[in-house]
PDB file of N, CA and C in Angstrom:
ATOM      1  N   MET A   1      -7.319  35.432  13.112  1.00  0.00           N
ATOM      2  CA  MET A   1      -8.606  35.031  12.638  1.00  0.00           C
ATOM      3  C   MET A   1     -10.137  34.137  12.906  1.00  0.00           C
ATOM      4  N   GLN A   2      -8.933  32.629  13.674  1.00  0.00           N
ATOM      5  CA  GLN A   2      -9.258  31.985  14.668  1.00  0.00           C
ATOM      6  C   GLN A   2     -10.475  32.134  15.824  1.00  0.00           C
ATOM      7  N   TYR A   3      -9.802  32.973  16.224  1.00  0.00           N
ATOM      8  CA  TYR A   3     -11.184  34.561  17.310  1.00  0.00           C
ATOM      9  C   TYR A   3     -11.787  34.503  16.492  1.00  0.00           C
ATOM     10  N   GLU A   4     -12.041  35.097  15.698  1.00  0.00           N
ATOM     11  CA  GLU A   4     -12.221  35.930  14.948  1.00  0.00           C
ATOM     12  C   GLU A   4     -14.063  34.714  14.163  1.00  0.00           C
ATOM     13  N   LEU A   5     -13.165  33.874  13.742  1.00  0.00           N
ATOM     14  CA  LEU A   5     -14.673  33.106  13.226  1.00  0.00           C
ATOM     15  C   LEU A   5     -15.495  32.340  14.585  1.00  0.00           C
ATOM     16  N   LYS A   6     -14.426  32.509  15.545  1.00  0.00           N
ATOM     17  CA  LYS A   6     -15.396  31.555  15.943  1.00  0.00           C
ATOM     18  C   LYS A   6     -16.504  32.300  17.108  1.00  0.00           C
ATOM     19  N   LYS A   7     -16.681  33.396  17.190  1.00  0.00           N
ATOM     20  CA  LYS A   7     -17.069  35.156  17.467  1.00  0.00           C
ATOM     21  C   LYS A   7     -18.455  34.969  17.081  1.00  0.00           C
ATOM     22  N   GLY A   8     -18.941  33.581  15.121  1.00  0.00           N
ATOM     23  CA  GLY A   8     -19.777  33.747  14.931  1.00  0.00           C
ATOM     24  C   GLY A   8     -20.273  32.921  14.779  1.00  0.00           C
ATOM     25  N   LYS A   9     -21.311  32.547  13.019  1.00  0.00           N
ATOM     26  CA  LYS A   9     -22.167  31.601  13.871  1.00  0.00           C
ATOM     27  C   LYS A   9     -21.767  30.067  12.914  1.00  0.00           C
ATOM     28  N   SER A  10     -20.657  31.089  11.544  1.00  0.00           N
ATOM     29  CA  SER A  10     -19.694  30.112  10.654  1.00  0.00           C
ATOM     30  C   SER A  10     -19.661  28.219  11.470  1.00  0.00           C
ATOM     31  N   LYS A  11     -19.302  27.422  10.659  1.00  0.00           N
ATOM     32  CA  LYS A  11     -19.309  26.241  11.408  1.00  0.00           C
ATOM     33  C   LYS A  11     -17.651  25.507  10.622  1.00  0.00           C
ATOM     34  N   SER A  12     -17.133  27.095   9.863  1.00  0.00           N
ATOM     35  CA  SER A  12     -15.660  26.657   9.506  1.00  0.00           C
ATOM     36  C   SER A  12     -14.698  26.670  10.417  1.00  0.00           C
ATOM     37  N   GLU A  13     -13.469  25.414   9.992  1.00  0.00           N
ATOM     38  CA  GLU A  13     -12.212  26.118  10.962  1.00  0.00           C
ATOM     39  C   GLU A  13     -11.589  26.432  10.406  1.00  0.00           C
ATOM     40  N   ILE A  14     -10.486  27.094  10.742  1.00  0.00           N
ATOM     41  CA  ILE A  14      -9.068  27.030  10.287  1.00  0.00           C
ATOM     42  C   ILE A  14      -8.627  26.106  10.563  1.00  0.00           C
ATOM     43  N   VAL A  15      -7.231  25.109  10.233  1.00  0.00           N
ATOM     44  CA  VAL A  15      -6.529  24.713  10.112  1.00  0.00           C
ATOM     45  C   VAL A  15      -5.132  24.945   9.654  1.00  0.00           C
ATOM     46  N   VAL A  16      -4.045  24.627  10.976  1.00  0.00           N
ATOM     47  CA  VAL A  16      -2.316  24.775  10.162  1.00  0.00           C
ATOM     48  C   VAL A  16      -1.814  23.947  10.466  1.00  0.00           C
ATOM     49  N   PHE A  17      -1.312  23.750   9.421  1.00  0.00           N
ATOM     50  CA  PHE A  17       0.297  22.476   8.968  1.00  0.00           C
ATOM     51  C   PHE A  17       1.090  22.988   9.417  1.00  0.00           C
ATOM     52  N   PRO A  18       2.107  23.729  10.491  1.00  0.00           N
ATOM     53  CA  PRO A  18       3.402  24.151  10.733  1.00  0.00           C
ATOM     54  C   PRO A  18       4.675  23.637   9.921  1.00  0.00           C
ATOM     55  N   ASN A  19       4.883  22.433   8.811  1.00  0.00           N
ATOM     56  CA  ASN A  19       5.593  21.621   8.852  1.00  0.00           C
ATOM     57  C   ASN A  19       5.418  22.134   7.518  1.00  0.00           C
ATOM     58  N   ALA A  20       4.286  22.631   6.686  1.00  0.00           N
ATOM     59  CA  ALA A  20       3.812  21.878   5.565  1.00  0.00           C
ATOM     60  C   ALA A  20       4.119  23.810   4.426  1.00  0.00           C
ATOM     61  N   ASP A  21       4.843  23.744   3.197  1.00  0.00           N
ATOM     62  CA  ASP A  21       4.749  24.708   2.880  1.00  0.00           C
ATOM     63  C   ASP A  21       3.473  24.726   1.341  1.00  0.00           C
ATOM     64  N   HIS A  22       2.999  26.329   1.341  1.00  0.00           N
ATOM     65  CA  HIS A  22       2.283  26.959  -0.140  1.00  0.00           C
ATOM     66  C   HIS A  22       1.773  25.577  -0.823  1.00  0.00           C
ATOM     67  N   GLY A  23       0.174  25.364  -1.099  1.00  0.00           N
ATOM     68  CA  GLY A  23       0.917  23.738  -2.347  1.00  0.00           C
ATOM     69  C   GLY A  23       0.621  22.186  -1.720  1.00  0.00           C
ATOM     70  N   PHE A  24       0.982  22.430  -0.648  1.00  0.00           N
ATOM     71  CA  PHE A  24       1.468  20.743   0.270  1.00  0.00           C
ATOM     72  C   PHE A  24       0.354  19.423  -0.519  1.00  0.00           C
ATOM     73  N   HIS A  25      -0.979  20.440  -0.739  1.00  0.00           N
ATOM     74  CA  HIS A  25      -1.685  18.748  -1.242  1.00  0.00           C
ATOM     75  C   HIS A  25      -1.281  18.545  -2.116  1.00  0.00           C
ATOM     76  N   ALA A  26      -0.726  19.184  -3.490  1.00  0.00           N
ATOM     77  CA  ALA A  26      -0.452  19.111  -4.758  1.00  0.00           C
ATOM     78  C   ALA A  26       0.467  18.508  -5.301  1.00  0.00           C
ATOM     79  N   GLY A  27       0.293  16.675  -5.208  1.00  0.00           N
ATOM     80  CA  GLY A  27       1.403  15.766  -5.286  1.00  0.00           C
ATOM     81  C   GLY A  27       2.625  16.228  -6.385  1.00  0.00           C
ATOM     82  N   TYR A  28       1.802  17.084  -7.237  1.00  0.00           N
ATOM     83  CA  TYR A  28       2.861  16.920  -8.751  1.00  0.00           C
ATOM     84  C   TYR A  28       4.082  18.266  -8.612  1.00  0.00           C
ATOM     85  N   ARG A  29       3.962  19.247  -7.451  1.00  0.00           N
ATOM     86  CA  ARG A  29       4.741  19.811  -6.454  1.00  0.00           C
ATOM     87  C   ARG A  29       5.905  19.522  -5.931  1.00  0.00           C
ATOM     88  N   ALA A  30       7.134  20.308  -5.810  1.00  0.00           N
ATOM     89  CA  ALA A  30       8.008  20.024  -4.581  1.00  0.00           C
ATOM     90  C   ALA A  30       7.257  20.538  -3.112  1.00  0.00           C
ATOM     91  N   GLN A  31       6.344  21.426  -3.186  1.00  0.00           N
ATOM     92  CA  GLN A  31       5.797  21.636  -1.768  1.00  0.00           C
ATOM     93  C   GLN A  31       5.221  20.036  -1.566  1.00  0.00           C
ATOM     94  N   PHE A  32       5.415  18.993  -2.025  1.00  0.00           N
ATOM     95  CA  PHE A  32       4.440  18.030  -2.066  1.00  0.00           C
ATOM     96  C   PHE A  32       5.089  17.359  -0.997  1.00  0.00           C
ATOM     97  N   ASN A  33       3.733  16.914   0.592  1.00  0.00           N
ATOM     98  CA  ASN A  33       4.382  17.416   1.586  1.00  0.00           C
ATOM     99  C   ASN A  33       2.849  15.832   2.345  1.00  0.00           C
ATOM    100  N   LYS A  34       3.400  14.339   1.796  1.00  0.00           N
ATOM    101  CA  LYS A  34       2.336  14.048   1.957  1.00  0.00           C
ATOM    102  C   LYS A  34       2.033  13.611   3.425  1.00  0.00           C
ATOM    103  N   PRO A  35       2.252  13.147   4.837  1.00  0.00           N
ATOM    104  CA  PRO A  35       1.786  13.309   5.446  1.00  0.00           C
ATOM    105  C   PRO A  35       0.579  14.113   5.713  1.00  0.00           C
ATOM    106  N   ALA A  36       0.602  15.783   5.788  1.00  0.00           N
ATOM    107  CA  ALA A  36       0.314  16.793   5.668  1.00  0.00           C
ATOM    108  C   ALA A  36      -1.058  16.984   4.626  1.00  0.00           C
ATOM    109  N   SER A  37      -0.793  16.174   3.939  1.00  0.00           N
ATOM    110  CA  SER A  37      -1.685  15.855   2.884  1.00  0.00           C
ATOM    111  C   SER A  37      -2.596  15.134   3.248  1.00  0.00           C
ATOM    112  N   GLU A  38      -2.162  13.514   3.664  1.00  0.00           N
ATOM    113  CA  GLU A  38      -3.137  12.968   4.057  1.00  0.00           C
ATOM    114  C   GLU A  38      -3.962  13.636   4.921  1.00  0.00           C
ATOM    115  N   GLU A  39      -3.475  13.706   6.135  1.00  0.00           N
ATOM    116  CA  GLU A  39      -4.444  14.689   7.145  1.00  0.00           C
ATOM    117  C   GLU A  39      -5.244  15.272   6.984  1.00  0.00           C
ATOM    118  N   ALA A  40      -4.480  16.152   6.303  1.00  0.00           N
ATOM    119  CA  ALA A  40      -5.953  17.499   5.784  1.00  0.00           C
ATOM    120  C   ALA A  40      -6.810  16.889   5.234  1.00  0.00           C
ATOM    121  N   TRP A  41      -7.102  15.986   4.243  1.00  0.00           N
ATOM    122  CA  TRP A  41      -7.607  15.008   3.640  1.00  0.00           C
ATOM    123  C   TRP A  41      -8.602  14.674   3.978  1.00  0.00           C
ATOM    124  N   GLN A  42      -8.242  13.819   5.351  1.00  0.00           N
ATOM    125  CA  GLN A  42      -9.002  13.030   6.693  1.00  0.00           C
ATOM    126  C   GLN A  42      -9.952  13.948   7.466  1.00  0.00           C
ATOM    127  N   LYS A  43      -9.255  15.577   7.250  1.00  0.00           N
ATOM    128  CA  LYS A  43     -10.096  16.573   7.920  1.00  0.00           C
ATOM    129  C   LYS A  43     -11.251  16.613   7.409  1.00  0.00           C
ATOM    130  N   LEU A  44     -10.758  17.263   6.082  1.00  0.00           N
ATOM    131  CA  LEU A  44     -11.990  17.206   4.785  1.00  0.00           C
ATOM    132  C   LEU A  44     -12.430  16.787   4.973  1.00  0.00           C
ATOM    133  N   GLN A  45     -12.487  15.346   4.981  1.00  0.00           N
ATOM    134  CA  GLN A  45     -13.811  14.150   4.809  1.00  0.00           C
ATOM    135  C   GLN A  45     -14.786  14.177   5.811  1.00  0.00           C
ATOM    136  N   ASP A  46     -14.114  14.486   7.045  1.00  0.00           N
ATOM    137  CA  ASP A  46     -14.573  14.942   8.346  1.00  0.00           C
ATOM    138  C   ASP A  46     -15.558  16.058   8.838  1.00  0.00           C
ATOM    139  N   TRP A  47     -14.994  16.597   8.045  1.00  0.00           N
ATOM    140  CA  TRP A  47     -15.415  18.415   8.138  1.00  0.00           C
ATOM    141  C   TRP A  47     -16.722  17.905   7.564  1.00  0.00           C
ATOM    142  N   PHE A  48     -16.817  17.375   5.829  1.00  0.00           N
ATOM    143  CA  PHE A  48     -17.677  17.356   5.272  1.00  0.00           C
ATOM    144  C   PHE A  48     -18.830  16.186   5.929  1.00  0.00           C
ATOM    145  N   GLU A  49     -18.800  14.922   6.479  1.00  0.00           N
ATOM    146  CA  GLU A  49     -19.291  14.064   7.431  1.00  0.00           C
ATOM    147  C   GLU A  49     -20.056  14.849   8.266  1.00  0.00           C
ATOM    148  N   LYS A  50     -19.808  15.530   8.974  1.00  0.00           N
ATOM    149  CA  LYS A  50     -19.876  15.766  10.420  1.00  0.00           C
ATOM    150  C   LYS A  50     -20.427  17.282   9.704  1.00  0.00           C
ATOM    151  N   ASN A  51     -21.381  18.253   9.069  1.00  0.00           N
ATOM    152  CA  ASN A  51     -21.433  19.376   8.362  1.00  0.00           C
ATOM    153  C   ASN A  51     -22.511  18.576   7.205  1.00  0.00           C
ATOM    154  N   GLY A  52     -22.772  18.064   7.350  1.00  0.00           N
ATOM    155  CA  GLY A  52     -24.107  17.039   5.877  1.00  0.00           C
ATOM    156  C   GLY A  52     -23.754  16.774   4.541  1.00  0.00           C
ATOM    157  N   ALA A  53     -22.602  17.939   4.279  1.00  0.00           N
ATOM    158  CA  ALA A  53     -21.588  17.908   3.016  1.00  0.00           C
ATOM    159  C   ALA A  53     -21.839  16.873   1.959  1.00  0.00           C
ATOM    160  N   ILE A  54     -21.858  15.856   2.992  1.00  0.00           N
ATOM    161  CA  ILE A  54     -21.149  14.271   2.389  1.00  0.00           C
ATOM    162  C   ILE A  54     -22.395  12.852   2.609  1.00  0.00           C
TER     163      ILE A  54
END
């Protein structure tokens, strides 16, 4: 998927957190992974700023 995404003009990025299960960002779920959640949130904020979303 990353290869195909890079071939296009999209500014989207795919980030994989190998030690985080589905739902890792939801603090109310058993799968919550605080370190991965914090890293993902920062990456999202950085992407928004870089691409003019905030």
